[in-house]
Amino acid sequence: MTRSGCCWHLNTTYKIVNDNPVVIKTIEMDHQKYPFLYTTTTTFGKKKKEIVKKEIDFGQMPVKELFSFRLQKNNKKVVLFDDGENNLYYALIKSNESVEFNYPEENNTENQPFMIDAISKNISFTNEKTTYTIYQKINQDNTMTVGIKVKNNNKTLDLVGNATTIKGDLKSISSKKYNNKK
């Protein structure tokens, strides 16, 4: 194992070929792009194969999940979380716990702040020309509705969430101050 201290580790697996060690696999864990953990698994054989997995370590303090639910159509997890440094993040997480999309994006100087609707408490952000609005509402029959509305070029897609999977509350996020929230 090779490591830089707290935030970067490299594990290497060898096999002996003709009395010489030959690398057959490396696993690199990089936590330098906090709050994300990148794991790169490289296997060496006839062809080199590399798989990169991006995750959020919610067990790692001070990262805190504030609001989450699963989408009805594909069971992906929608999460709003605090990185422990007073920054709000959005992530769409696949069933294998890898991050498919997150906002704000790392190293993007054009990230816009999250916007809170004063009445509905919906939380929105714009990434390039697409606006994402996370909503949670109580219907007249006291049932809960949750989801994300994705608007691009006057087209709106409603990604409906499974209300039974809700953890947290959007209203609690709207009342807290974050560095990247208006």
C-alpha atoms as a PDB file:
ATOM      1  CA  MET A   1       0.000   0.000   0.000  1.00  0.00           C
ATOM      2  CA  THR A   2       1.115   3.485  -0.878  1.00  0.00           C
ATOM      3  CA  ARG A   3      -0.543   6.512   0.705  1.00  0.00           C
ATOM      4  CA  SER A   4      -0.282  10.249   1.080  1.00  0.00           C
ATOM      5  CA  GLY A   5      -1.600  10.331   4.610  1.00  0.00           C
ATOM      6  CA  CYS A   6      -5.322  10.801   5.017  1.00  0.00           C
ATOM      7  CA  CYS A   7      -6.642  11.361   1.544  1.00  0.00           C
ATOM      8  CA  TRP A   8      -5.009   9.161  -1.086  1.00  0.00           C
ATOM      9  CA  HIS A   9      -4.271   5.410  -1.010  1.00  0.00           C
ATOM     10  CA  LEU A  10      -3.032   2.955  -3.621  1.00  0.00           C
ATOM     11  CA  ASN A  11      -3.277  -0.817  -3.188  1.00  0.00           C
ATOM     12  CA  THR A  12      -1.386  -2.943  -5.699  1.00  0.00           C
ATOM     13  CA  THR A  13      -1.781  -6.667  -6.353  1.00  0.00           C
ATOM     14  CA  TYR A  14       1.053  -8.602  -7.979  1.00  0.00           C
ATOM     15  CA  LYS A  15       1.563 -12.082  -9.346  1.00  0.00           C
ATOM     16  CA  ILE A  16       4.900 -13.737  -9.994  1.00  0.00           C
ATOM     17  CA  VAL A  17       5.667 -14.378 -13.669  1.00  0.00           C
ATOM     18  CA  ASN A  18       9.061 -15.913 -14.533  1.00  0.00           C
ATOM     19  CA  ASP A  19      10.325 -15.065 -11.032  1.00  0.00           C
ATOM     20  CA  ASN A  20       9.382 -11.387 -11.443  1.00  0.00           C
ATOM     21  CA  PRO A  21       6.517  -9.472  -9.784  1.00  0.00           C
ATOM     22  CA  VAL A  22       3.941  -8.246 -12.315  1.00  0.00           C
ATOM     23  CA  VAL A  23       1.145  -5.812 -11.414  1.00  0.00           C
ATOM     24  CA  ILE A  24      -2.268  -7.335 -12.113  1.00  0.00           C
ATOM     25  CA  LYS A  25      -4.534  -4.903 -10.256  1.00  0.00           C
ATOM     26  CA  THR A  26      -4.448  -1.486  -8.580  1.00  0.00           C
ATOM     27  CA  ILE A  27      -7.109   0.188  -6.463  1.00  0.00           C
ATOM     28  CA  GLU A  28      -6.643   3.931  -5.987  1.00  0.00           C
ATOM     29  CA  MET A  29      -8.807   5.697  -3.394  1.00  0.00           C
ATOM     30  CA  ASP A  30      -8.762   9.481  -3.675  1.00  0.00           C
ATOM     31  CA  HIS A  31     -10.596  11.617  -1.128  1.00  0.00           C
ATOM     32  CA  GLN A  32      -8.858  14.858  -2.145  1.00  0.00           C
ATOM     33  CA  LYS A  33     -11.983  16.158  -3.966  1.00  0.00           C
ATOM     34  CA  TYR A  34     -14.003  16.309  -0.744  1.00  0.00           C
ATOM     35  CA  PRO A  35     -16.865  15.514  -0.163  1.00  0.00           C
ATOM     36  CA  PHE A  36     -16.481  12.900  -2.886  1.00  0.00           C
ATOM     37  CA  LEU A  37     -14.471   9.690  -2.804  1.00  0.00           C
ATOM     38  CA  TYR A  38     -13.106   8.447  -6.131  1.00  0.00           C
ATOM     39  CA  THR A  39     -12.120   4.789  -6.377  1.00  0.00           C
ATOM     40  CA  THR A  40     -10.260   3.782  -9.541  1.00  0.00           C
ATOM     41  CA  THR A  41      -9.833   0.052 -10.074  1.00  0.00           C
ATOM     42  CA  THR A  42      -7.379  -0.877 -12.830  1.00  0.00           C
ATOM     43  CA  THR A  43      -6.826  -4.452 -13.964  1.00  0.00           C
ATOM     44  CA  PHE A  44      -3.916  -5.410 -16.177  1.00  0.00           C
ATOM     45  CA  GLY A  45      -3.989  -8.346 -18.541  1.00  0.00           C
ATOM     46  CA  LYS A  46      -4.110  -8.555 -22.301  1.00  0.00           C
ATOM     47  CA  LYS A  47      -5.948  -5.236 -22.115  1.00  0.00           C
ATOM     48  CA  LYS A  48      -5.870  -2.616 -19.396  1.00  0.00           C
ATOM     49  CA  LYS A  49      -9.315  -2.027 -17.882  1.00  0.00           C
ATOM     50  CA  GLU A  50     -10.101   0.962 -15.664  1.00  0.00           C
ATOM     51  CA  ILE A  51     -13.313   1.563 -13.684  1.00  0.00           C
ATOM     52  CA  VAL A  52     -13.857   4.837 -11.798  1.00  0.00           C
ATOM     53  CA  LYS A  53     -16.498   5.036  -9.085  1.00  0.00           C
ATOM     54  CA  LYS A  54     -17.497   8.328  -7.456  1.00  0.00           C
ATOM     55  CA  GLU A  55     -19.183   8.099  -4.050  1.00  0.00           C
ATOM     56  CA  ILE A  56     -20.214  10.208  -1.072  1.00  0.00           C
ATOM     57  CA  ASP A  57     -19.182   8.816   2.296  1.00  0.00           C
ATOM     58  CA  PHE A  58     -22.190   9.683   4.458  1.00  0.00           C
ATOM     59  CA  GLY A  59     -20.566   7.800   7.328  1.00  0.00           C
ATOM     60  CA  GLN A  60     -17.689  10.289   7.227  1.00  0.00           C
ATOM     61  CA  MET A  61     -18.222  13.198   9.577  1.00  0.00           C
ATOM     62  CA  PRO A  62     -19.142  16.007   8.993  1.00  0.00           C
ATOM     63  CA  VAL A  63     -21.029  15.114   5.746  1.00  0.00           C
ATOM     64  CA  LYS A  64     -24.739  15.106   6.611  1.00  0.00           C
ATOM     65  CA  GLU A  65     -27.681  13.917   4.527  1.00  0.00           C
ATOM     66  CA  LEU A  66     -30.432  16.549   4.861  1.00  0.00           C
ATOM     67  CA  PHE A  67     -33.171  15.342   2.511  1.00  0.00           C
ATOM     68  CA  SER A  68     -33.506  12.284   0.304  1.00  0.00           C
ATOM     69  CA  PHE A  69     -35.948  10.089  -1.577  1.00  0.00           C
ATOM     70  CA  ARG A  70     -35.911   7.463  -4.324  1.00  0.00           C
ATOM     71  CA  LEU A  71     -37.305   7.982  -7.819  1.00  0.00           C
ATOM     72  CA  GLN A  72     -40.272   5.779  -8.738  1.00  0.00           C
ATOM     73  CA  LYS A  73     -39.095   4.940 -12.253  1.00  0.00           C
ATOM     74  CA  ASN A  74     -35.546   3.704 -11.600  1.00  0.00           C
ATOM     75  CA  ASN A  75     -35.083   3.687  -7.787  1.00  0.00           C
ATOM     76  CA  LYS A  76     -32.141   6.121  -7.988  1.00  0.00           C
ATOM     77  CA  LYS A  77     -31.634   8.155  -4.832  1.00  0.00           C
ATOM     78  CA  VAL A  78     -31.970  11.943  -4.815  1.00  0.00           C
ATOM     79  CA  VAL A  79     -29.993  13.553  -2.003  1.00  0.00           C
ATOM     80  CA  LEU A  80     -29.453  17.055  -0.683  1.00  0.00           C
ATOM     81  CA  PHE A  81     -26.564  17.140   1.765  1.00  0.00           C
ATOM     82  CA  ASP A  82     -24.292  19.454   3.741  1.00  0.00           C
ATOM     83  CA  ASP A  83     -20.544  18.945   3.337  1.00  0.00           C
ATOM     84  CA  GLY A  84     -19.877  20.117   6.899  1.00  0.00           C
ATOM     85  CA  GLU A  85     -18.397  23.371   5.604  1.00  0.00           C
ATOM     86  CA  ASN A  86     -21.803  25.040   5.203  1.00  0.00           C
ATOM     87  CA  ASN A  87     -22.148  24.140   1.498  1.00  0.00           C
ATOM     88  CA  LEU A  88     -25.305  22.571   0.098  1.00  0.00           C
ATOM     89  CA  TYR A  89     -24.976  19.767  -2.479  1.00  0.00           C
ATOM     90  CA  TYR A  90     -27.364  17.801  -4.695  1.00  0.00           C
ATOM     91  CA  ALA A  91     -26.556  14.283  -5.880  1.00  0.00           C
ATOM     92  CA  LEU A  92     -28.296  11.613  -7.932  1.00  0.00           C
ATOM     93  CA  ILE A  93     -27.048   8.231  -6.733  1.00  0.00           C
ATOM     94  CA  LYS A  94     -27.310   4.931  -8.605  1.00  0.00           C
ATOM     95  CA  SER A  95     -28.267   1.652  -6.941  1.00  0.00           C
ATOM     96  CA  ASN A  96     -24.560   0.702  -6.635  1.00  0.00           C
ATOM     97  CA  GLU A  97     -24.049   3.858  -4.487  1.00  0.00           C
ATOM     98  CA  SER A  98     -22.042   5.655  -7.199  1.00  0.00           C
ATOM     99  CA  VAL A  99     -22.825   9.299  -7.989  1.00  0.00           C
ATOM    100  CA  GLU A 100     -24.352   9.754 -11.434  1.00  0.00           C
ATOM    101  CA  PHE A 101     -24.660  13.552 -11.219  1.00  0.00           C
ATOM    102  CA  ASN A 102     -23.954  16.166  -8.598  1.00  0.00           C
ATOM    103  CA  TYR A 103     -24.283  19.899  -8.162  1.00  0.00           C
ATOM    104  CA  PRO A 104     -22.332  22.018  -7.655  1.00  0.00           C
ATOM    105  CA  GLU A 105     -19.789  20.447  -9.948  1.00  0.00           C
ATOM    106  CA  GLU A 106     -16.164  20.309  -8.851  1.00  0.00           C
ATOM    107  CA  ASN A 107     -13.869  22.909 -10.404  1.00  0.00           C
ATOM    108  CA  ASN A 108     -16.733  24.693 -12.190  1.00  0.00           C
ATOM    109  CA  THR A 109     -16.457  28.420 -11.573  1.00  0.00           C
ATOM    110  CA  GLU A 110     -19.857  29.006 -13.229  1.00  0.00           C
ATOM    111  CA  ASN A 111     -21.888  27.136 -10.601  1.00  0.00           C
ATOM    112  CA  GLN A 112     -24.931  29.182  -9.615  1.00  0.00           C
ATOM    113  CA  PRO A 113     -26.310  29.253  -6.053  1.00  0.00           C
ATOM    114  CA  PHE A 114     -29.271  27.136  -4.989  1.00  0.00           C
ATOM    115  CA  MET A 115     -32.532  29.111  -5.018  1.00  0.00           C
ATOM    116  CA  ILE A 116     -35.349  28.671  -2.487  1.00  0.00           C
ATOM    117  CA  ASP A 117     -38.947  29.490  -3.403  1.00  0.00           C
ATOM    118  CA  ALA A 118     -40.227  31.576  -0.471  1.00  0.00           C
ATOM    119  CA  ILE A 119     -43.739  30.091  -0.581  1.00  0.00           C
ATOM    120  CA  SER A 120     -43.369  26.451  -1.642  1.00  0.00           C
ATOM    121  CA  LYS A 121     -39.855  25.964  -0.171  1.00  0.00           C
ATOM    122  CA  ASN A 122     -38.879  24.149  -3.384  1.00  0.00           C
ATOM    123  CA  ILE A 123     -35.138  24.143  -4.019  1.00  0.00           C
ATOM    124  CA  SER A 124     -33.827  24.881  -7.517  1.00  0.00           C
ATOM    125  CA  PHE A 125     -30.495  25.103  -9.270  1.00  0.00           C
ATOM    126  CA  THR A 126     -29.436  25.701 -12.847  1.00  0.00           C
ATOM    127  CA  ASN A 127     -26.698  23.694 -14.521  1.00  0.00           C
ATOM    128  CA  GLU A 128     -25.836  25.118 -17.936  1.00  0.00           C
ATOM    129  CA  LYS A 129     -29.279  25.594 -19.586  1.00  0.00           C
ATOM    130  CA  THR A 130     -31.194  23.087 -17.446  1.00  0.00           C
ATOM    131  CA  THR A 131     -33.085  23.991 -14.275  1.00  0.00           C
ATOM    132  CA  TYR A 132     -33.727  21.344 -11.626  1.00  0.00           C
ATOM    133  CA  THR A 133     -36.460  21.941  -9.032  1.00  0.00           C
ATOM    134  CA  ILE A 134     -36.742  19.586  -6.071  1.00  0.00           C
ATOM    135  CA  TYR A 135     -40.230  19.656  -4.581  1.00  0.00           C
ATOM    136  CA  GLN A 136     -42.096  18.211  -1.629  1.00  0.00           C
ATOM    137  CA  LYS A 137     -45.753  19.008  -1.014  1.00  0.00           C
ATOM    138  CA  ILE A 138     -48.714  17.785   0.975  1.00  0.00           C
ATOM    139  CA  ASN A 139     -51.788  17.219  -1.175  1.00  0.00           C
ATOM    140  CA  GLN A 140     -55.397  18.028  -0.178  1.00  0.00           C
ATOM    141  CA  ASP A 141     -55.935  14.384   0.819  1.00  0.00           C
ATOM    142  CA  ASN A 142     -52.891  14.612   3.179  1.00  0.00           C
ATOM    143  CA  THR A 143     -50.697  12.440   0.930  1.00  0.00           C
ATOM    144  CA  MET A 144     -47.135  13.550   0.193  1.00  0.00           C
ATOM    145  CA  THR A 145     -45.773  14.221  -3.288  1.00  0.00           C
ATOM    146  CA  VAL A 146     -42.041  14.481  -3.961  1.00  0.00           C
ATOM    147  CA  GLY A 147     -39.851  14.666  -7.049  1.00  0.00           C
ATOM    148  CA  ILE A 148     -37.672  16.728  -9.359  1.00  0.00           C
ATOM    149  CA  LYS A 149     -38.850  18.857 -12.270  1.00  0.00           C
ATOM    150  CA  VAL A 150     -36.198  19.164 -14.957  1.00  0.00           C
ATOM    151  CA  LYS A 151     -36.730  22.068 -17.379  1.00  0.00           C
ATOM    152  CA  ASN A 152     -34.721  22.527 -20.571  1.00  0.00           C
ATOM    153  CA  ASN A 153     -35.712  24.562 -23.652  1.00  0.00           C
ATOM    154  CA  ASN A 154     -39.381  24.965 -22.591  1.00  0.00           C
ATOM    155  CA  LYS A 155     -39.720  21.213 -21.992  1.00  0.00           C
ATOM    156  CA  THR A 156     -40.378  19.997 -18.450  1.00  0.00           C
ATOM    157  CA  LEU A 157     -39.858  16.436 -17.248  1.00  0.00           C
ATOM    158  CA  ASP A 158     -41.315  15.485 -13.871  1.00  0.00           C
ATOM    159  CA  LEU A 159     -39.254  12.762 -12.190  1.00  0.00           C
ATOM    160  CA  VAL A 160     -41.707  11.571  -9.553  1.00  0.00           C
ATOM    161  CA  GLY A 161     -40.328  10.261  -6.289  1.00  0.00           C
ATOM    162  CA  ASN A 162     -41.560   7.521  -3.993  1.00  0.00           C
ATOM    163  CA  ALA A 163     -43.024   9.400  -1.015  1.00  0.00           C
ATOM    164  CA  THR A 164     -42.550   6.397   1.302  1.00  0.00           C
ATOM    165  CA  THR A 165     -38.751   6.760   0.950  1.00  0.00           C
ATOM    166  CA  ILE A 166     -38.530  10.418   2.069  1.00  0.00           C
ATOM    167  CA  LYS A 167     -35.954  11.210   4.754  1.00  0.00           C
ATOM    168  CA  GLY A 168     -35.791  14.766   6.066  1.00  0.00           C
ATOM    169  CA  ASP A 169     -37.761  17.842   5.018  1.00  0.00           C
ATOM    170  CA  LEU A 170     -37.153  20.561   2.409  1.00  0.00           C
ATOM    171  CA  LYS A 171     -38.478  23.273   4.740  1.00  0.00           C
ATOM    172  CA  SER A 172     -35.655  22.679   7.216  1.00  0.00           C
ATOM    173  CA  ILE A 173     -33.099  23.300   4.447  1.00  0.00           C
ATOM    174  CA  SER A 174     -34.792  26.530   3.378  1.00  0.00           C
ATOM    175  CA  SER A 175     -34.444  28.036   6.855  1.00  0.00           C
ATOM    176  CA  LYS A 176     -30.703  27.328   7.227  1.00  0.00           C
ATOM    177  CA  LYS A 177     -28.014  29.586   5.772  1.00  0.00           C
ATOM    178  CA  TYR A 178     -25.562  28.019   3.322  1.00  0.00           C
ATOM    179  CA  ASN A 179     -22.634  29.595   1.476  1.00  0.00           C
ATOM    180  CA  ASN A 180     -24.158  28.640  -1.891  1.00  0.00           C
ATOM    181  CA  LYS A 181     -27.873  29.338  -1.313  1.00  0.00           C
ATOM    182  CA  LYS A 182     -29.876  32.499  -2.030  1.00  0.00           C
END
